Amino acid sequence: MTPPRTDLSTFANGLAARLPGTWTSDYQRHATYADQFSRTEQLWDLGHVQHIVSQYVLTHDAVLHGPDGQRLYITDRPHYPHQFVVAPLAPDDDETQPHHFEGVAEPNGIAVPNNPARAAARVDRRVLPRYEQALQVVRDNAADQPEPPHRPEPPQVAQVLTLTVYEDGALGAPYASVPEQARTTLYACGFQYHPHQAAILLPATYSENGRMLRLQAVFRLLTAKGIGVNLRHAAPTSSPAPPPTSGQAARTSHR
């Protein structure tokens, strides 16, 4: 645990008074380590400020509330008694959702001296422009796409072809189960009709890569026609014989 700084509240008030626009300071002490999470979990930073709040027990912090919903997090910089860190907080409203932050660069925070005037100049120059730009992008995203871009349900199909990988390595389907509109496509992709097996099968002479390429072509061409395609492995036709009991093994070994 880092020792508490006694001047954080005063510094935060002084910084708020010197930033452009109207800012107010909300100082808070933490009785337990978990108390700091409600604020630090909103930190919009992937740099050293995030490292500090994740690695150290912070006994207090302050949040500055500014124009257009901007918020700045302030806390001690451990091992640097003459510095604090200042970082943006992500917007906290009902309209902003996690998917609105995708692709938006974190504005990140900086270390500042414990002189409010000098700190305000650095924050105004290095933090606020990036923060305002990132906020605008996120809010534009929220306006353009309020709901997450969930993947749509697959289209319903009237016909489905199920190809089976059989135990002997053959790949195909019983002839009667193949939709009539799919048969020409299968033949074009290298499948052959085997009348004595009543099945359309892909020759075993193709290499593994050749089989995969032909399967991909089948999937692409048939789905374009609105025919669903499934791939299954055949269920074992018989169960393996159980191992002999110890008595049987002993009798066999003496024969």
C-alpha atoms as a PDB file:
ATOM      1  CA  MET A   1       0.000   0.000   0.000  1.00  0.00           C
ATOM      2  CA  THR A   2       1.373   3.412  -0.933  1.00  0.00           C
ATOM      3  CA  PRO A   3       1.291   6.087   1.810  1.00  0.00           C
ATOM      4  CA  PRO A   4      -1.546   8.601   1.297  1.00  0.00           C
ATOM      5  CA  ARG A   5      -0.695  12.000  -0.109  1.00  0.00           C
ATOM      6  CA  THR A   6      -2.162  14.850   1.891  1.00  0.00           C
ATOM      7  CA  ASP A   7      -2.283  17.351  -0.978  1.00  0.00           C
ATOM      8  CA  LEU A   8      -4.329  15.455  -3.610  1.00  0.00           C
ATOM      9  CA  SER A   9      -7.634  17.155  -2.777  1.00  0.00           C
ATOM     10  CA  THR A  10      -6.050  20.623  -2.867  1.00  0.00           C
ATOM     11  CA  PHE A  11      -4.233  19.809  -6.101  1.00  0.00           C
ATOM     12  CA  ALA A  12      -7.423  18.526  -7.762  1.00  0.00           C
ATOM     13  CA  ASN A  13      -9.311  21.706  -6.848  1.00  0.00           C
ATOM     14  CA  GLY A  14      -6.476  23.839  -8.185  1.00  0.00           C
ATOM     15  CA  LEU A  15      -6.295  21.859 -11.433  1.00  0.00           C
ATOM     16  CA  ALA A  16     -10.067  22.112 -11.934  1.00  0.00           C
ATOM     17  CA  ALA A  17      -9.914  25.893 -11.538  1.00  0.00           C
ATOM     18  CA  ARG A  18      -7.261  26.229 -14.265  1.00  0.00           C
ATOM     19  CA  LEU A  19      -8.603  23.950 -17.009  1.00  0.00           C
ATOM     20  CA  PRO A  20     -10.584  25.537 -19.880  1.00  0.00           C
ATOM     21  CA  GLY A  21     -14.321  25.587 -19.276  1.00  0.00           C
ATOM     22  CA  THR A  22     -16.084  24.795 -16.029  1.00  0.00           C
ATOM     23  CA  TRP A  23     -14.683  21.886 -14.002  1.00  0.00           C
ATOM     24  CA  THR A  24     -15.531  20.608 -10.516  1.00  0.00           C
ATOM     25  CA  SER A  25     -13.596  18.186  -8.324  1.00  0.00           C
ATOM     26  CA  ASP A  26     -14.938  15.136  -6.505  1.00  0.00           C
ATOM     27  CA  TYR A  27     -12.353  13.853  -4.004  1.00  0.00           C
ATOM     28  CA  GLN A  28     -12.786  10.428  -2.375  1.00  0.00           C
ATOM     29  CA  ARG A  29     -10.898   8.390   0.192  1.00  0.00           C
ATOM     30  CA  HIS A  30     -10.985   4.570   0.072  1.00  0.00           C
ATOM     31  CA  ALA A  31     -11.368   2.472   3.200  1.00  0.00           C
ATOM     32  CA  THR A  32     -10.549  -0.761   1.359  1.00  0.00           C
ATOM     33  CA  TYR A  33      -8.731  -1.772  -1.813  1.00  0.00           C
ATOM     34  CA  ALA A  34     -11.989  -2.745  -3.531  1.00  0.00           C
ATOM     35  CA  ASP A  35     -13.366   0.778  -3.089  1.00  0.00           C
ATOM     36  CA  GLN A  36     -11.103   2.116  -5.827  1.00  0.00           C
ATOM     37  CA  PHE A  37     -12.535  -0.199  -8.497  1.00  0.00           C
ATOM     38  CA  SER A  38     -15.755   1.746  -9.147  1.00  0.00           C
ATOM     39  CA  ARG A  39     -13.656   4.516 -10.652  1.00  0.00           C
ATOM     40  CA  THR A  40     -10.605   2.729 -11.990  1.00  0.00           C
ATOM     41  CA  GLU A  41     -12.729   0.272 -13.996  1.00  0.00           C
ATOM     42  CA  GLN A  42     -13.857   3.248 -16.096  1.00  0.00           C
ATOM     43  CA  LEU A  43     -10.299   4.349 -16.832  1.00  0.00           C
ATOM     44  CA  TRP A  44      -9.728   5.084 -20.529  1.00  0.00           C
ATOM     45  CA  ASP A  45      -6.029   4.331 -20.572  1.00  0.00           C
ATOM     46  CA  LEU A  46      -3.752   1.489 -21.644  1.00  0.00           C
ATOM     47  CA  GLY A  47      -0.532   3.120 -20.476  1.00  0.00           C
ATOM     48  CA  HIS A  48       1.210   3.668 -17.173  1.00  0.00           C
ATOM     49  CA  VAL A  49      -1.904   5.014 -15.409  1.00  0.00           C
ATOM     50  CA  GLN A  50      -3.662   1.693 -16.006  1.00  0.00           C
ATOM     51  CA  HIS A  51      -0.554  -0.058 -14.688  1.00  0.00           C
ATOM     52  CA  ILE A  52      -0.628   2.035 -11.501  1.00  0.00           C
ATOM     53  CA  VAL A  53      -4.295   1.409 -10.692  1.00  0.00           C
ATOM     54  CA  SER A  54      -3.932  -2.329 -11.366  1.00  0.00           C
ATOM     55  CA  GLN A  55      -0.743  -2.832  -9.344  1.00  0.00           C
ATOM     56  CA  TYR A  56      -1.102  -0.511  -6.348  1.00  0.00           C
ATOM     57  CA  VAL A  57      -3.541  -0.040  -3.500  1.00  0.00           C
ATOM     58  CA  LEU A  58      -4.627   3.582  -3.812  1.00  0.00           C
ATOM     59  CA  THR A  59      -6.037   5.121  -0.663  1.00  0.00           C
ATOM     60  CA  HIS A  60      -7.731   8.030  -2.427  1.00  0.00           C
ATOM     61  CA  ASP A  61      -8.381   9.686  -5.772  1.00  0.00           C
ATOM     62  CA  ALA A  62     -10.311  12.519  -7.368  1.00  0.00           C
ATOM     63  CA  VAL A  63     -12.488  12.873 -10.435  1.00  0.00           C
ATOM     64  CA  LEU A  64     -12.832  16.176 -12.264  1.00  0.00           C
ATOM     65  CA  HIS A  65     -16.155  16.728 -14.054  1.00  0.00           C
ATOM     66  CA  GLY A  66     -15.930  19.067 -17.040  1.00  0.00           C
ATOM     67  CA  PRO A  67     -17.777  20.276 -20.125  1.00  0.00           C
ATOM     68  CA  ASP A  68     -19.641  17.889 -22.436  1.00  0.00           C
ATOM     69  CA  GLY A  69     -19.461  14.968 -20.005  1.00  0.00           C
ATOM     70  CA  GLN A  70     -15.658  14.902 -19.788  1.00  0.00           C
ATOM     71  CA  ARG A  71     -14.181  13.339 -16.658  1.00  0.00           C
ATOM     72  CA  LEU A  72     -10.559  13.192 -15.550  1.00  0.00           C
ATOM     73  CA  TYR A  73      -9.222  10.731 -12.998  1.00  0.00           C
ATOM     74  CA  ILE A  74      -6.423  11.903 -10.673  1.00  0.00           C
ATOM     75  CA  THR A  75      -4.386   9.893  -8.203  1.00  0.00           C
ATOM     76  CA  ASP A  76      -0.900   9.596  -6.746  1.00  0.00           C
ATOM     77  CA  ARG A  77       2.050   8.485  -8.820  1.00  0.00           C
ATOM     78  CA  PRO A  78       3.733   5.905  -6.546  1.00  0.00           C
ATOM     79  CA  HIS A  79       7.422   6.529  -5.805  1.00  0.00           C
ATOM     80  CA  TYR A  80       7.193  10.061  -7.266  1.00  0.00           C
ATOM     81  CA  PRO A  81       6.125  12.313  -4.365  1.00  0.00           C
ATOM     82  CA  HIS A  82       6.158  15.460  -6.510  1.00  0.00           C
ATOM     83  CA  GLN A  83       3.886  14.101  -9.245  1.00  0.00           C
ATOM     84  CA  PHE A  84       0.324  12.938  -9.844  1.00  0.00           C
ATOM     85  CA  VAL A  85      -1.244  11.088 -12.777  1.00  0.00           C
ATOM     86  CA  VAL A  86      -4.238  12.346 -14.758  1.00  0.00           C
ATOM     87  CA  ALA A  87      -6.199  10.157 -17.173  1.00  0.00           C
ATOM     88  CA  PRO A  88      -9.569  10.320 -18.970  1.00  0.00           C
ATOM     89  CA  LEU A  89     -12.530   8.241 -17.884  1.00  0.00           C
ATOM     90  CA  ALA A  90     -14.772   6.590 -20.447  1.00  0.00           C
ATOM     91  CA  PRO A  91     -18.263   8.070 -20.886  1.00  0.00           C
ATOM     92  CA  ASP A  92     -20.776   6.804 -18.357  1.00  0.00           C
ATOM     93  CA  ASP A  93     -24.243   6.933 -19.911  1.00  0.00           C
ATOM     94  CA  ASP A  94     -26.975   4.638 -21.133  1.00  0.00           C
ATOM     95  CA  GLU A  95     -26.332   5.330 -24.832  1.00  0.00           C
ATOM     96  CA  THR A  96     -22.683   4.238 -24.900  1.00  0.00           C
ATOM     97  CA  GLN A  97     -22.132   0.485 -25.213  1.00  0.00           C
ATOM     98  CA  PRO A  98     -18.917  -1.609 -25.376  1.00  0.00           C
ATOM     99  CA  HIS A  99     -19.122  -2.078 -29.159  1.00  0.00           C
ATOM    100  CA  HIS A 100     -18.968   1.702 -29.646  1.00  0.00           C
ATOM    101  CA  PHE A 101     -15.335   1.675 -28.443  1.00  0.00           C
ATOM    102  CA  GLU A 102     -14.120  -0.846 -31.037  1.00  0.00           C
ATOM    103  CA  GLY A 103     -11.398   0.676 -33.189  1.00  0.00           C
ATOM    104  CA  VAL A 104     -11.181   3.858 -31.082  1.00  0.00           C
ATOM    105  CA  ALA A 105      -7.697   4.603 -29.734  1.00  0.00           C
ATOM    106  CA  GLU A 106      -7.530   5.180 -25.980  1.00  0.00           C
ATOM    107  CA  PRO A 107      -6.786   8.841 -25.202  1.00  0.00           C
ATOM    108  CA  ASN A 108      -4.554   7.714 -22.276  1.00  0.00           C
ATOM    109  CA  GLY A 109      -3.256   9.773 -19.393  1.00  0.00           C
ATOM    110  CA  ILE A 110      -0.025  11.441 -18.323  1.00  0.00           C
ATOM    111  CA  ALA A 111       2.062  12.194 -15.266  1.00  0.00           C
ATOM    112  CA  VAL A 112       1.962  15.836 -14.155  1.00  0.00           C
ATOM    113  CA  PRO A 113       3.864  17.908 -11.573  1.00  0.00           C
ATOM    114  CA  ASN A 114       2.118  18.751  -8.316  1.00  0.00           C
ATOM    115  CA  ASN A 115       1.930  22.378  -9.419  1.00  0.00           C
ATOM    116  CA  PRO A 116      -1.687  22.958 -10.573  1.00  0.00           C
ATOM    117  CA  ALA A 117      -0.812  25.681 -13.087  1.00  0.00           C
ATOM    118  CA  ARG A 118       1.899  23.647 -14.808  1.00  0.00           C
ATOM    119  CA  ALA A 119      -0.233  20.499 -14.645  1.00  0.00           C
ATOM    120  CA  ALA A 120      -3.214  22.289 -16.235  1.00  0.00           C
ATOM    121  CA  ALA A 121      -1.034  23.437 -19.144  1.00  0.00           C
ATOM    122  CA  ARG A 122       0.119  19.855 -19.800  1.00  0.00           C
ATOM    123  CA  VAL A 123      -3.373  18.386 -19.520  1.00  0.00           C
ATOM    124  CA  ASP A 124      -4.808  21.052 -21.822  1.00  0.00           C
ATOM    125  CA  ARG A 125      -2.094  20.403 -24.408  1.00  0.00           C
ATOM    126  CA  ARG A 126      -1.617  16.631 -24.225  1.00  0.00           C
ATOM    127  CA  VAL A 127      -4.779  15.038 -22.794  1.00  0.00           C
ATOM    128  CA  LEU A 128      -7.870  17.072 -23.618  1.00  0.00           C
ATOM    129  CA  PRO A 129      -7.468  17.168 -27.439  1.00  0.00           C
ATOM    130  CA  ARG A 130      -7.128  13.352 -27.654  1.00  0.00           C
ATOM    131  CA  TYR A 131      -9.919  12.911 -25.125  1.00  0.00           C
ATOM    132  CA  GLU A 132     -12.342  15.192 -26.982  1.00  0.00           C
ATOM    133  CA  GLN A 133     -11.590  13.470 -30.290  1.00  0.00           C
ATOM    134  CA  ALA A 134     -12.088   9.968 -28.848  1.00  0.00           C
ATOM    135  CA  LEU A 135     -15.341  11.034 -27.159  1.00  0.00           C
ATOM    136  CA  GLN A 136     -16.669  12.379 -30.436  1.00  0.00           C
ATOM    137  CA  VAL A 137     -15.872   9.168 -32.308  1.00  0.00           C
ATOM    138  CA  VAL A 138     -17.547   7.026 -29.641  1.00  0.00           C
ATOM    139  CA  ARG A 139     -20.646   9.206 -29.623  1.00  0.00           C
ATOM    140  CA  ASP A 140     -20.821   9.113 -33.418  1.00  0.00           C
ATOM    141  CA  ASN A 141     -20.620   5.317 -33.221  1.00  0.00           C
ATOM    142  CA  ALA A 142     -23.428   5.274 -30.665  1.00  0.00           C
ATOM    143  CA  ALA A 143     -25.614   7.391 -32.937  1.00  0.00           C
ATOM    144  CA  ASP A 144     -24.859   5.322 -36.045  1.00  0.00           C
ATOM    145  CA  GLN A 145     -25.156   1.861 -34.468  1.00  0.00           C
ATOM    146  CA  PRO A 146     -27.044   1.875 -31.147  1.00  0.00           C
ATOM    147  CA  GLU A 147     -27.288  -1.919 -30.973  1.00  0.00           C
ATOM    148  CA  PRO A 148     -24.388  -4.406 -31.235  1.00  0.00           C
ATOM    149  CA  PRO A 149     -23.777  -5.805 -34.736  1.00  0.00           C
ATOM    150  CA  HIS A 150     -25.043  -9.284 -33.935  1.00  0.00           C
ATOM    151  CA  ARG A 151     -24.642 -11.909 -36.633  1.00  0.00           C
ATOM    152  CA  PRO A 152     -27.946 -12.666 -38.383  1.00  0.00           C
ATOM    153  CA  GLU A 153     -29.628 -16.041 -38.128  1.00  0.00           C
ATOM    154  CA  PRO A 154     -28.838 -18.435 -40.998  1.00  0.00           C
ATOM    155  CA  PRO A 155     -31.409 -18.407 -43.804  1.00  0.00           C
ATOM    156  CA  GLN A 156     -33.998 -21.162 -43.860  1.00  0.00           C
ATOM    157  CA  VAL A 157     -33.510 -23.689 -46.662  1.00  0.00           C
ATOM    158  CA  ALA A 158     -35.977 -26.106 -48.211  1.00  0.00           C
ATOM    159  CA  GLN A 159     -33.354 -28.717 -49.154  1.00  0.00           C
ATOM    160  CA  VAL A 160     -30.316 -30.037 -47.331  1.00  0.00           C
ATOM    161  CA  LEU A 161     -27.506 -32.304 -48.500  1.00  0.00           C
ATOM    162  CA  THR A 162     -25.756 -34.313 -45.802  1.00  0.00           C
ATOM    163  CA  LEU A 163     -22.339 -35.654 -46.778  1.00  0.00           C
ATOM    164  CA  THR A 164     -20.948 -38.431 -44.631  1.00  0.00           C
ATOM    165  CA  VAL A 165     -17.375 -39.485 -43.898  1.00  0.00           C
ATOM    166  CA  TYR A 166     -17.679 -43.272 -43.579  1.00  0.00           C
ATOM    167  CA  GLU A 167     -15.525 -45.523 -41.438  1.00  0.00           C
ATOM    168  CA  ASP A 168     -13.543 -46.750 -44.465  1.00  0.00           C
ATOM    169  CA  GLY A 169     -12.685 -43.151 -45.413  1.00  0.00           C
ATOM    170  CA  ALA A 170     -15.216 -42.821 -48.219  1.00  0.00           C
ATOM    171  CA  LEU A 171     -16.966 -39.456 -48.483  1.00  0.00           C
ATOM    172  CA  GLY A 172     -20.406 -39.013 -49.992  1.00  0.00           C
ATOM    173  CA  ALA A 173     -24.111 -39.682 -49.525  1.00  0.00           C
ATOM    174  CA  PRO A 174     -26.744 -42.271 -50.439  1.00  0.00           C
ATOM    175  CA  TYR A 175     -28.066 -41.417 -53.910  1.00  0.00           C
ATOM    176  CA  ALA A 176     -31.692 -41.188 -52.777  1.00  0.00           C
ATOM    177  CA  SER A 177     -30.827 -38.617 -50.084  1.00  0.00           C
ATOM    178  CA  VAL A 178     -29.140 -36.208 -52.521  1.00  0.00           C
ATOM    179  CA  PRO A 179     -31.463 -33.413 -53.714  1.00  0.00           C
ATOM    180  CA  GLU A 180     -31.881 -33.624 -57.476  1.00  0.00           C
ATOM    181  CA  GLN A 181     -30.662 -30.039 -57.936  1.00  0.00           C
ATOM    182  CA  ALA A 182     -27.411 -30.918 -56.120  1.00  0.00           C
ATOM    183  CA  ARG A 183     -26.378 -33.952 -58.162  1.00  0.00           C
ATOM    184  CA  THR A 184     -24.960 -32.040 -61.138  1.00  0.00           C
ATOM    185  CA  THR A 185     -22.878 -29.890 -58.794  1.00  0.00           C
ATOM    186  CA  LEU A 186     -21.463 -32.969 -57.065  1.00  0.00           C
ATOM    187  CA  TYR A 187     -20.511 -34.555 -60.385  1.00  0.00           C
ATOM    188  CA  ALA A 188     -18.856 -31.290 -61.497  1.00  0.00           C
ATOM    189  CA  CYS A 189     -16.787 -31.268 -58.295  1.00  0.00           C
ATOM    190  CA  GLY A 190     -15.447 -34.804 -58.842  1.00  0.00           C
ATOM    191  CA  PHE A 191     -18.022 -37.001 -57.091  1.00  0.00           C
ATOM    192  CA  GLN A 192     -19.041 -40.209 -58.861  1.00  0.00           C
ATOM    193  CA  TYR A 193     -22.134 -42.392 -58.792  1.00  0.00           C
ATOM    194  CA  HIS A 194     -21.515 -45.969 -57.580  1.00  0.00           C
ATOM    195  CA  PRO A 195     -24.591 -48.031 -58.483  1.00  0.00           C
ATOM    196  CA  HIS A 196     -23.534 -51.132 -56.519  1.00  0.00           C
ATOM    197  CA  GLN A 197     -23.404 -48.950 -53.355  1.00  0.00           C
ATOM    198  CA  ALA A 198     -26.376 -46.751 -54.350  1.00  0.00           C
ATOM    199  CA  ALA A 199     -24.272 -43.738 -53.391  1.00  0.00           C
ATOM    200  CA  ILE A 200     -22.518 -40.687 -54.788  1.00  0.00           C
ATOM    201  CA  LEU A 201     -18.942 -40.770 -53.520  1.00  0.00           C
ATOM    202  CA  LEU A 202     -15.749 -38.787 -53.874  1.00  0.00           C
ATOM    203  CA  PRO A 203     -12.959 -41.042 -55.171  1.00  0.00           C
ATOM    204  CA  ALA A 204     -10.402 -42.021 -52.548  1.00  0.00           C
ATOM    205  CA  THR A 205      -7.617 -41.359 -55.054  1.00  0.00           C
ATOM    206  CA  TYR A 206      -7.774 -37.636 -54.348  1.00  0.00           C
ATOM    207  CA  SER A 207      -5.239 -36.295 -51.865  1.00  0.00           C
ATOM    208  CA  GLU A 208      -6.389 -34.791 -48.575  1.00  0.00           C
ATOM    209  CA  ASN A 209      -5.890 -31.330 -50.014  1.00  0.00           C
ATOM    210  CA  GLY A 210      -7.774 -32.278 -53.178  1.00  0.00           C
ATOM    211  CA  ARG A 211     -10.729 -33.577 -51.161  1.00  0.00           C
ATOM    212  CA  MET A 212     -10.811 -30.375 -49.100  1.00  0.00           C
ATOM    213  CA  LEU A 213     -10.794 -28.149 -52.197  1.00  0.00           C
ATOM    214  CA  ARG A 214     -13.671 -30.108 -53.729  1.00  0.00           C
ATOM    215  CA  LEU A 215     -15.642 -29.989 -50.501  1.00  0.00           C
ATOM    216  CA  GLN A 216     -15.185 -26.219 -50.315  1.00  0.00           C
ATOM    217  CA  ALA A 217     -16.446 -25.917 -53.896  1.00  0.00           C
ATOM    218  CA  VAL A 218     -19.503 -28.024 -53.050  1.00  0.00           C
ATOM    219  CA  PHE A 219     -20.327 -25.877 -50.026  1.00  0.00           C
ATOM    220  CA  ARG A 220     -19.902 -22.646 -51.996  1.00  0.00           C
ATOM    221  CA  LEU A 221     -21.896 -23.701 -55.058  1.00  0.00           C
ATOM    222  CA  LEU A 222     -24.766 -25.412 -53.260  1.00  0.00           C
ATOM    223  CA  THR A 223     -25.278 -22.703 -50.651  1.00  0.00           C
ATOM    224  CA  ALA A 224     -25.406 -20.192 -53.521  1.00  0.00           C
ATOM    225  CA  LYS A 225     -28.321 -22.262 -54.875  1.00  0.00           C
ATOM    226  CA  GLY A 226     -30.081 -22.163 -51.507  1.00  0.00           C
ATOM    227  CA  ILE A 227     -29.274 -25.778 -50.648  1.00  0.00           C
ATOM    228  CA  GLY A 228     -27.926 -26.395 -47.147  1.00  0.00           C
ATOM    229  CA  VAL A 229     -24.892 -28.641 -46.739  1.00  0.00           C
ATOM    230  CA  ASN A 230     -23.968 -30.681 -43.653  1.00  0.00           C
ATOM    231  CA  LEU A 231     -20.907 -32.834 -43.019  1.00  0.00           C
ATOM    232  CA  ARG A 232     -21.161 -35.802 -40.667  1.00  0.00           C
ATOM    233  CA  HIS A 233     -19.052 -38.741 -39.551  1.00  0.00           C
ATOM    234  CA  ALA A 234     -20.747 -42.127 -39.733  1.00  0.00           C
ATOM    235  CA  ALA A 235     -21.558 -43.763 -36.427  1.00  0.00           C
ATOM    236  CA  PRO A 236     -19.521 -46.926 -35.723  1.00  0.00           C
ATOM    237  CA  THR A 237     -21.349 -49.987 -37.048  1.00  0.00           C
ATOM    238  CA  SER A 238     -20.166 -52.239 -34.235  1.00  0.00           C
ATOM    239  CA  SER A 239     -18.580 -51.943 -30.837  1.00  0.00           C
ATOM    240  CA  PRO A 240     -15.051 -53.288 -30.305  1.00  0.00           C
ATOM    241  CA  ALA A 241     -14.854 -56.630 -28.501  1.00  0.00           C
ATOM    242  CA  PRO A 242     -14.227 -56.265 -24.759  1.00  0.00           C
ATOM    243  CA  PRO A 243     -10.737 -57.191 -23.548  1.00  0.00           C
ATOM    244  CA  PRO A 244     -10.389 -60.725 -22.110  1.00  0.00           C
ATOM    245  CA  THR A 245     -10.706 -61.173 -18.389  1.00  0.00           C
ATOM    246  CA  SER A 246      -7.573 -62.007 -16.418  1.00  0.00           C
ATOM    247  CA  GLY A 247      -8.658 -65.677 -16.204  1.00  0.00           C
ATOM    248  CA  GLN A 248      -9.176 -65.916 -19.949  1.00  0.00           C
ATOM    249  CA  ALA A 249      -5.818 -64.311 -20.592  1.00  0.00           C
ATOM    250  CA  ALA A 250      -4.140 -66.769 -18.273  1.00  0.00           C
ATOM    251  CA  ARG A 251      -5.793 -69.775 -19.960  1.00  0.00           C
ATOM    252  CA  THR A 252      -4.891 -68.481 -23.410  1.00  0.00           C
ATOM    253  CA  SER A 253      -1.254 -67.994 -22.446  1.00  0.00           C
ATOM    254  CA  HIS A 254      -0.975 -71.686 -21.415  1.00  0.00           C
ATOM    255  CA  ARG A 255      -2.411 -73.111 -24.641  1.00  0.00           C
END
